[in-house]
Amino acid sequence: MAAGRFQARYDFWVTKPPAGLDDLVKGGGWGPNGHGTLTETITLATDRQSYVSTLTYAFFDADGRPAPGGGAATARAVRIGF
């Protein structure tokens, strides 16, 4: 990445609750139910007093297919001075 630009990636996995107590007793329950990725690209201002970031969120079902719920966002922050 260019100077002052950083990227963070967060991968996570989703589980589904057991249908009933019997599933837990039999050694099952809390099986995989999908995964997602949150990627953030951070651009630091040249004076290092603020930054802008863009975030993208992608979610995939248990079969690896894109699932509803993804999206994009932006964030801005300014250093607090005292």
PDB file of N, CA and C in Angstrom:
ATOM      1  N   MET A   1       0.845  -1.184   0.000  1.00  0.00           N
ATOM      2  CA  MET A   1       0.000   0.000   0.000  1.00  0.00           C
ATOM      3  C   MET A   1       0.889   1.247   0.000  1.00  0.00           C
ATOM      4  N   ALA A   2       0.305   2.339  -0.393  1.00  0.00           N
ATOM      5  CA  ALA A   2       1.018   3.615  -0.435  1.00  0.00           C
ATOM      6  C   ALA A   2       1.300   4.113   0.977  1.00  0.00           C
ATOM      7  N   ALA A   3       2.217   5.053   1.093  1.00  0.00           N
ATOM      8  CA  ALA A   3       2.532   5.636   2.391  1.00  0.00           C
ATOM      9  C   ALA A   3       1.274   6.230   3.017  1.00  0.00           C
ATOM     10  N   GLY A   4       1.070   5.959   4.284  1.00  0.00           N
ATOM     11  CA  GLY A   4      -0.093   6.488   4.984  1.00  0.00           C
ATOM     12  C   GLY A   4      -1.376   5.713   4.753  1.00  0.00           C
ATOM     13  N   ARG A   5      -1.286   4.598   4.028  1.00  0.00           N
ATOM     14  CA  ARG A   5      -2.469   3.750   3.780  1.00  0.00           C
ATOM     15  C   ARG A   5      -2.236   2.386   4.385  1.00  0.00           C
ATOM     16  N   PHE A   6      -3.261   1.888   5.038  1.00  0.00           N
ATOM     17  CA  PHE A   6      -3.174   0.602   5.715  1.00  0.00           C
ATOM     18  C   PHE A   6      -4.443  -0.189   5.427  1.00  0.00           C
ATOM     19  N   GLN A   7      -4.342  -1.487   5.527  1.00  0.00           N
ATOM     20  CA  GLN A   7      -5.532  -2.311   5.340  1.00  0.00           C
ATOM     21  C   GLN A   7      -5.600  -3.346   6.455  1.00  0.00           C
ATOM     22  N   ALA A   8      -6.783  -3.487   7.012  1.00  0.00           N
ATOM     23  CA  ALA A   8      -7.044  -4.492   8.042  1.00  0.00           C
ATOM     24  C   ALA A   8      -8.154  -5.402   7.538  1.00  0.00           C
ATOM     25  N   ARG A   9      -7.998  -6.694   7.790  1.00  0.00           N
ATOM     26  CA  ARG A   9      -9.011  -7.653   7.364  1.00  0.00           C
ATOM     27  C   ARG A   9      -9.367  -8.523   8.562  1.00  0.00           C
ATOM     28  N   TYR A  10     -10.657  -8.659   8.777  1.00  0.00           N
ATOM     29  CA  TYR A  10     -11.173  -9.457   9.881  1.00  0.00           C
ATOM     30  C   TYR A  10     -12.051 -10.557   9.301  1.00  0.00           C
ATOM     31  N   ASP A  11     -11.655 -11.793   9.494  1.00  0.00           N
ATOM     32  CA  ASP A  11     -12.453 -12.941   9.049  1.00  0.00           C
ATOM     33  C   ASP A  11     -13.143 -13.536  10.262  1.00  0.00           C
ATOM     34  N   PHE A  12     -14.392 -13.928  10.103  1.00  0.00           N
ATOM     35  CA  PHE A  12     -15.114 -14.531  11.220  1.00  0.00           C
ATOM     36  C   PHE A  12     -16.009 -15.649  10.717  1.00  0.00           C
ATOM     37  N   TRP A  13     -16.393 -16.520  11.622  1.00  0.00           N
ATOM     38  CA  TRP A  13     -17.243 -17.667  11.302  1.00  0.00           C
ATOM     39  C   TRP A  13     -18.486 -17.621  12.160  1.00  0.00           C
ATOM     40  N   VAL A  14     -19.583 -18.040  11.588  1.00  0.00           N
ATOM     41  CA  VAL A  14     -20.882 -18.019  12.252  1.00  0.00           C
ATOM     42  C   VAL A  14     -21.303 -19.457  12.522  1.00  0.00           C
ATOM     43  N   THR A  15     -21.877 -19.684  13.693  1.00  0.00           N
ATOM     44  CA  THR A  15     -22.394 -21.011  14.030  1.00  0.00           C
ATOM     45  C   THR A  15     -23.896 -20.931  14.221  1.00  0.00           C
ATOM     46  N   LYS A  16     -24.542 -22.074  14.117  1.00  0.00           N
ATOM     47  CA  LYS A  16     -25.984 -22.108  14.360  1.00  0.00           C
ATOM     48  C   LYS A  16     -26.218 -22.865  15.664  1.00  0.00           C
ATOM     49  N   PRO A  17     -27.187 -22.425  16.434  1.00  0.00           N
ATOM     50  CA  PRO A  17     -27.448 -23.083  17.720  1.00  0.00           C
ATOM     51  C   PRO A  17     -28.023 -24.481  17.499  1.00  0.00           C
ATOM     52  N   PRO A  18     -27.834 -25.355  18.477  1.00  0.00           N
ATOM     53  CA  PRO A  18     -28.411 -26.700  18.359  1.00  0.00           C
ATOM     54  C   PRO A  18     -29.934 -26.622  18.371  1.00  0.00           C
ATOM     55  N   ALA A  19     -30.559 -27.576  17.684  1.00  0.00           N
ATOM     56  CA  ALA A  19     -32.024 -27.606  17.626  1.00  0.00           C
ATOM     57  C   ALA A  19     -32.618 -27.949  18.988  1.00  0.00           C
ATOM     58  N   GLY A  20     -31.884 -28.685  19.787  1.00  0.00           N
ATOM     59  CA  GLY A  20     -32.373 -29.070  21.109  1.00  0.00           C
ATOM     60  C   GLY A  20     -31.244 -29.631  21.953  1.00  0.00           C
ATOM     61  N   LEU A  21     -31.527 -29.896  23.196  1.00  0.00           N
ATOM     62  CA  LEU A  21     -30.532 -30.416  24.133  1.00  0.00           C
ATOM     63  C   LEU A  21     -29.980 -31.762  23.672  1.00  0.00           C
ATOM     64  N   ASP A  22     -30.797 -32.571  23.002  1.00  0.00           N
ATOM     65  CA  ASP A  22     -30.344 -33.877  22.511  1.00  0.00           C
ATOM     66  C   ASP A  22     -29.154 -33.732  21.565  1.00  0.00           C
ATOM     67  N   ASP A  23     -29.133 -32.677  20.765  1.00  0.00           N
ATOM     68  CA  ASP A  23     -28.000 -32.463  19.859  1.00  0.00           C
ATOM     69  C   ASP A  23     -26.698 -32.311  20.640  1.00  0.00           C
ATOM     70  N   LEU A  24     -26.740 -31.599  21.739  1.00  0.00           N
ATOM     71  CA  LEU A  24     -25.544 -31.414  22.565  1.00  0.00           C
ATOM     72  C   LEU A  24     -25.126 -32.712  23.229  1.00  0.00           C
ATOM     73  N   VAL A  25     -26.091 -33.445  23.731  1.00  0.00           N
ATOM     74  CA  VAL A  25     -25.808 -34.712  24.410  1.00  0.00           C
ATOM     75  C   VAL A  25     -25.135 -35.698  23.452  1.00  0.00           C
ATOM     76  N   LYS A  26     -25.533 -35.669  22.181  1.00  0.00           N
ATOM     77  CA  LYS A  26     -24.982 -36.575  21.175  1.00  0.00           C
ATOM     78  C   LYS A  26     -23.651 -36.073  20.607  1.00  0.00           C
ATOM     79  N   GLY A  27     -23.154 -34.966  21.132  1.00  0.00           N
ATOM     80  CA  GLY A  27     -21.872 -34.431  20.664  1.00  0.00           C
ATOM     81  C   GLY A  27     -21.994 -33.479  19.496  1.00  0.00           C
ATOM     82  N   GLY A  28     -23.183 -33.041  19.179  1.00  0.00           N
ATOM     83  CA  GLY A  28     -23.380 -32.111  18.065  1.00  0.00           C
ATOM     84  C   GLY A  28     -23.738 -30.733  18.557  1.00  0.00           C
ATOM     85  N   GLY A  29     -24.323 -29.971  17.707  1.00  0.00           N
ATOM     86  CA  GLY A  29     -24.739 -28.610  18.048  1.00  0.00           C
ATOM     87  C   GLY A  29     -23.668 -27.590  17.736  1.00  0.00           C
ATOM     88  N   TRP A  30     -24.051 -26.362  17.571  1.00  0.00           N
ATOM     89  CA  TRP A  30     -23.186 -25.231  17.280  1.00  0.00           C
ATOM     90  C   TRP A  30     -22.298 -25.514  16.066  1.00  0.00           C
ATOM     91  N   GLY A  31     -22.884 -26.067  15.023  1.00  0.00           N
ATOM     92  CA  GLY A  31     -22.154 -26.347  13.791  1.00  0.00           C
ATOM     93  C   GLY A  31     -21.952 -25.106  12.953  1.00  0.00           C
ATOM     94  N   PRO A  32     -21.090 -25.182  11.949  1.00  0.00           N
ATOM     95  CA  PRO A  32     -20.838 -24.023  11.091  1.00  0.00           C
ATOM     96  C   PRO A  32     -22.078 -23.620  10.305  1.00  0.00           C
ATOM     97  N   ASN A  33     -22.195 -22.309  10.093  1.00  0.00           N
ATOM     98  CA  ASN A  33     -23.371 -21.802   9.388  1.00  0.00           C
ATOM     99  C   ASN A  33     -23.029 -20.639   8.461  1.00  0.00           C
ATOM    100  N   GLY A  34     -21.761 -20.460   8.142  1.00  0.00           N
ATOM    101  CA  GLY A  34     -21.355 -19.384   7.254  1.00  0.00           C
ATOM    102  C   GLY A  34     -20.122 -18.671   7.761  1.00  0.00           C
ATOM    103  N   HIS A  35     -19.695 -17.697   6.995  1.00  0.00           N
ATOM    104  CA  HIS A  35     -18.541 -16.888   7.405  1.00  0.00           C
ATOM    105  C   HIS A  35     -18.635 -15.514   6.749  1.00  0.00           C
ATOM    106  N   GLY A  36     -17.810 -14.629   7.224  1.00  0.00           N
ATOM    107  CA  GLY A  36     -17.819 -13.279   6.675  1.00  0.00           C
ATOM    108  C   GLY A  36     -16.448 -12.652   6.730  1.00  0.00           C
ATOM    109  N   THR A  37     -16.309 -11.545   5.999  1.00  0.00           N
ATOM    110  CA  THR A  37     -15.064 -10.797   5.973  1.00  0.00           C
ATOM    111  C   THR A  37     -15.380  -9.311   6.065  1.00  0.00           C
ATOM    112  N   LEU A  38     -14.703  -8.634   6.972  1.00  0.00           N
ATOM    113  CA  LEU A  38     -14.778  -7.190   7.086  1.00  0.00           C
ATOM    114  C   LEU A  38     -13.401  -6.652   6.712  1.00  0.00           C
ATOM    115  N   THR A  39     -13.350  -5.829   5.671  1.00  0.00           N
ATOM    116  CA  THR A  39     -12.086  -5.257   5.219  1.00  0.00           C
ATOM    117  C   THR A  39     -12.144  -3.750   5.394  1.00  0.00           C
ATOM    118  N   GLU A  40     -11.110  -3.193   6.020  1.00  0.00           N
ATOM    119  CA  GLU A  40     -11.045  -1.747   6.246  1.00  0.00           C
ATOM    120  C   GLU A  40      -9.766  -1.213   5.622  1.00  0.00           C
ATOM    121  N   THR A  41      -9.910  -0.184   4.792  1.00  0.00           N
ATOM    122  CA  THR A  41      -8.764   0.516   4.217  1.00  0.00           C
ATOM    123  C   THR A  41      -8.695   1.881   4.878  1.00  0.00           C
ATOM    124  N   ILE A  42      -7.578   2.159   5.524  1.00  0.00           N
ATOM    125  CA  ILE A  42      -7.397   3.375   6.324  1.00  0.00           C
ATOM    126  C   ILE A  42      -6.392   4.279   5.621  1.00  0.00           C
ATOM    127  N   THR A  43      -6.771   5.541   5.444  1.00  0.00           N
ATOM    128  CA  THR A  43      -5.869   6.528   4.845  1.00  0.00           C
ATOM    129  C   THR A  43      -5.606   7.611   5.885  1.00  0.00           C
ATOM    130  N   LEU A  44      -4.364   7.687   6.316  1.00  0.00           N
ATOM    131  CA  LEU A  44      -3.951   8.645   7.339  1.00  0.00           C
ATOM    132  C   LEU A  44      -3.601   9.974   6.671  1.00  0.00           C
ATOM    133  N   ALA A  45      -4.071  11.086   7.253  1.00  0.00           N
ATOM    134  CA  ALA A  45      -3.751  12.416   6.717  1.00  0.00           C
ATOM    135  C   ALA A  45      -2.250  12.677   6.856  1.00  0.00           C
ATOM    136  N   THR A  46      -1.712  13.505   5.989  1.00  0.00           N
ATOM    137  CA  THR A  46      -0.267  13.764   6.024  1.00  0.00           C
ATOM    138  C   THR A  46       0.175  14.386   7.343  1.00  0.00           C
ATOM    139  N   ASP A  47      -0.699  15.152   8.010  1.00  0.00           N
ATOM    140  CA  ASP A  47      -0.336  15.736   9.311  1.00  0.00           C
ATOM    141  C   ASP A  47      -0.582  14.764  10.471  1.00  0.00           C
ATOM    142  N   ARG A  48      -1.085  13.581  10.156  1.00  0.00           N
ATOM    143  CA  ARG A  48      -1.344  12.503  11.129  1.00  0.00           C
ATOM    144  C   ARG A  48      -2.333  12.909  12.230  1.00  0.00           C
ATOM    145  N   GLN A  49      -3.185  13.856  11.925  1.00  0.00           N
ATOM    146  CA  GLN A  49      -4.166  14.313  12.896  1.00  0.00           C
ATOM    147  C   GLN A  49      -5.574  13.795  12.593  1.00  0.00           C
ATOM    148  N   SER A  50      -5.724  13.092  11.480  1.00  0.00           N
ATOM    149  CA  SER A  50      -7.034  12.556  11.124  1.00  0.00           C
ATOM    150  C   SER A  50      -6.845  11.383  10.167  1.00  0.00           C
ATOM    151  N   TYR A  51      -7.920  10.663   9.956  1.00  0.00           N
ATOM    152  CA  TYR A  51      -7.905   9.603   8.955  1.00  0.00           C
ATOM    153  C   TYR A  51      -9.302   9.391   8.400  1.00  0.00           C
ATOM    154  N   VAL A  52      -9.351   8.756   7.252  1.00  0.00           N
ATOM    155  CA  VAL A  52     -10.583   8.349   6.592  1.00  0.00           C
ATOM    156  C   VAL A  52     -10.441   6.863   6.327  1.00  0.00           C
ATOM    157  N   SER A  53     -11.521   6.125   6.521  1.00  0.00           N
ATOM    158  CA  SER A  53     -11.453   4.707   6.203  1.00  0.00           C
ATOM    159  C   SER A  53     -12.712   4.280   5.453  1.00  0.00           C
ATOM    160  N   THR A  54     -12.540   3.266   4.633  1.00  0.00           N
ATOM    161  CA  THR A  54     -13.667   2.645   3.954  1.00  0.00           C
ATOM    162  C   THR A  54     -13.725   1.195   4.419  1.00  0.00           C
ATOM    163  N   LEU A  55     -14.933   0.731   4.649  1.00  0.00           N
ATOM    164  CA  LEU A  55     -15.134  -0.625   5.134  1.00  0.00           C
ATOM    165  C   LEU A  55     -16.062  -1.364   4.182  1.00  0.00           C
ATOM    166  N   THR A  56     -15.753  -2.618   3.944  1.00  0.00           N
ATOM    167  CA  THR A  56     -16.660  -3.467   3.179  1.00  0.00           C
ATOM    168  C   THR A  56     -16.905  -4.729   3.979  1.00  0.00           C
ATOM    169  N   TYR A  57     -18.138  -5.174   3.944  1.00  0.00           N
ATOM    170  CA  TYR A  57     -18.552  -6.355   4.691  1.00  0.00           C
ATOM    171  C   TYR A  57     -19.176  -7.334   3.716  1.00  0.00           C
ATOM    172  N   ALA A  58     -18.679  -8.552   3.713  1.00  0.00           N
ATOM    173  CA  ALA A  58     -19.226  -9.599   2.858  1.00  0.00           C
ATOM    174  C   ALA A  58     -19.579 -10.793   3.733  1.00  0.00           C
ATOM    175  N   PHE A  59     -20.748 -11.360   3.506  1.00  0.00           N
ATOM    176  CA  PHE A  59     -21.193 -12.517   4.279  1.00  0.00           C
ATOM    177  C   PHE A  59     -21.488 -13.660   3.326  1.00  0.00           C
ATOM    178  N   PHE A  60     -21.139 -14.883   3.717  1.00  0.00           N
ATOM    179  CA  PHE A  60     -21.328 -16.063   2.895  1.00  0.00           C
ATOM    180  C   PHE A  60     -22.051 -17.128   3.700  1.00  0.00           C
ATOM    181  N   ASP A  61     -22.947 -17.856   3.039  1.00  0.00           N
ATOM    182  CA  ASP A  61     -23.700 -18.895   3.740  1.00  0.00           C
ATOM    183  C   ASP A  61     -22.823 -20.130   3.978  1.00  0.00           C
ATOM    184  N   ALA A  62     -23.405 -21.165   4.549  1.00  0.00           N
ATOM    185  CA  ALA A  62     -22.657 -22.379   4.904  1.00  0.00           C
ATOM    186  C   ALA A  62     -22.064 -23.068   3.681  1.00  0.00           C
ATOM    187  N   ASP A  63     -22.616 -22.820   2.492  1.00  0.00           N
ATOM    188  CA  ASP A  63     -22.096 -23.416   1.262  1.00  0.00           C
ATOM    189  C   ASP A  63     -21.097 -22.514   0.544  1.00  0.00           C
ATOM    190  N   GLY A  64     -20.791 -21.353   1.138  1.00  0.00           N
ATOM    191  CA  GLY A  64     -19.826 -20.430   0.544  1.00  0.00           C
ATOM    192  C   GLY A  64     -20.398 -19.462  -0.462  1.00  0.00           C
ATOM    193  N   ARG A  65     -21.707 -19.452  -0.617  1.00  0.00           N
ATOM    194  CA  ARG A  65     -22.354 -18.527  -1.555  1.00  0.00           C
ATOM    195  C   ARG A  65     -22.596 -17.180  -0.867  1.00  0.00           C
ATOM    196  N   PRO A  66     -22.492 -16.067  -1.618  1.00  0.00           N
ATOM    197  CA  PRO A  66     -22.803 -14.761  -1.019  1.00  0.00           C
ATOM    198  C   PRO A  66     -24.210 -14.772  -0.419  1.00  0.00           C
ATOM    199  N   ALA A  67     -24.334 -14.189   0.746  1.00  0.00           N
ATOM    200  CA  ALA A  67     -25.611 -14.145   1.462  1.00  0.00           C
ATOM    201  C   ALA A  67     -25.997 -12.689   1.707  1.00  0.00           C
ATOM    202  N   PRO A  68     -27.286 -12.434   1.958  1.00  0.00           N
ATOM    203  CA  PRO A  68     -27.727 -11.066   2.239  1.00  0.00           C
ATOM    204  C   PRO A  68     -27.040 -10.507   3.484  1.00  0.00           C
ATOM    205  N   GLY A  69     -26.862  -9.222   3.497  1.00  0.00           N
ATOM    206  CA  GLY A  69     -26.338  -8.571   4.693  1.00  0.00           C
ATOM    207  C   GLY A  69     -25.021  -7.864   4.499  1.00  0.00           C
ATOM    208  N   GLY A  70     -24.407  -7.970   3.335  1.00  0.00           N
ATOM    209  CA  GLY A  70     -23.149  -7.272   3.104  1.00  0.00           C
ATOM    210  C   GLY A  70     -23.381  -5.783   2.893  1.00  0.00           C
ATOM    211  N   GLY A  71     -22.297  -5.048   2.783  1.00  0.00           N
ATOM    212  CA  GLY A  71     -22.440  -3.624   2.542  1.00  0.00           C
ATOM    213  C   GLY A  71     -21.122  -2.894   2.633  1.00  0.00           C
ATOM    214  N   ALA A  72     -21.199  -1.576   2.595  1.00  0.00           N
ATOM    215  CA  ALA A  72     -20.016  -0.728   2.652  1.00  0.00           C
ATOM    216  C   ALA A  72     -20.315   0.478   3.536  1.00  0.00           C
ATOM    217  N   ALA A  73     -19.249   1.050   4.087  1.00  0.00           N
ATOM    218  CA  ALA A  73     -19.398   2.220   4.953  1.00  0.00           C
ATOM    219  C   ALA A  73     -18.114   3.039   4.901  1.00  0.00           C
ATOM    220  N   THR A  74     -18.197   4.264   5.361  1.00  0.00           N
ATOM    221  CA  THR A  74     -17.011   5.111   5.506  1.00  0.00           C
ATOM    222  C   THR A  74     -16.965   5.636   6.931  1.00  0.00           C
ATOM    223  N   ALA A  75     -15.756   5.953   7.365  1.00  0.00           N
ATOM    224  CA  ALA A  75     -15.565   6.528   8.703  1.00  0.00           C
ATOM    225  C   ALA A  75     -14.527   7.629   8.615  1.00  0.00           C
ATOM    226  N   ARG A  76     -14.664   8.611   9.476  1.00  0.00           N
ATOM    227  CA  ARG A  76     -13.708   9.711   9.563  1.00  0.00           C
ATOM    228  C   ARG A  76     -13.420   9.935  11.041  1.00  0.00           C
ATOM    229  N   ALA A  77     -12.176  10.229  11.338  1.00  0.00           N
ATOM    230  CA  ALA A  77     -11.799  10.491  12.732  1.00  0.00           C
ATOM    231  C   ALA A  77     -10.774  11.613  12.777  1.00  0.00           C
ATOM    232  N   VAL A  78     -10.815  12.374  13.873  1.00  0.00           N
ATOM    233  CA  VAL A  78      -9.892  13.476  14.100  1.00  0.00           C
ATOM    234  C   VAL A  78      -9.298  13.315  15.485  1.00  0.00           C
ATOM    235  N   ARG A  79      -7.997  13.495  15.583  1.00  0.00           N
ATOM    236  CA  ARG A  79      -7.310  13.400  16.883  1.00  0.00           C
ATOM    237  C   ARG A  79      -7.792  14.537  17.789  1.00  0.00           C
ATOM    238  N   ILE A  80      -8.041  14.215  19.025  1.00  0.00           N
ATOM    239  CA  ILE A  80      -8.474  15.212  19.999  1.00  0.00           C
ATOM    240  C   ILE A  80      -7.235  15.870  20.599  1.00  0.00           C
ATOM    241  N   GLY A  81      -7.217  17.172  20.618  1.00  0.00           N
ATOM    242  CA  GLY A  81      -6.109  17.903  21.207  1.00  0.00           C
ATOM    243  C   GLY A  81      -6.509  18.517  22.538  1.00  0.00           C
ATOM    244  N   PHE A  82      -5.566  18.643  23.429  1.00  0.00           N
ATOM    245  CA  PHE A  82      -5.824  19.238  24.749  1.00  0.00           C
ATOM    246  C   PHE A  82      -4.975  20.451  24.956  1.00  0.00           C
TER     247      PHE A  82
END
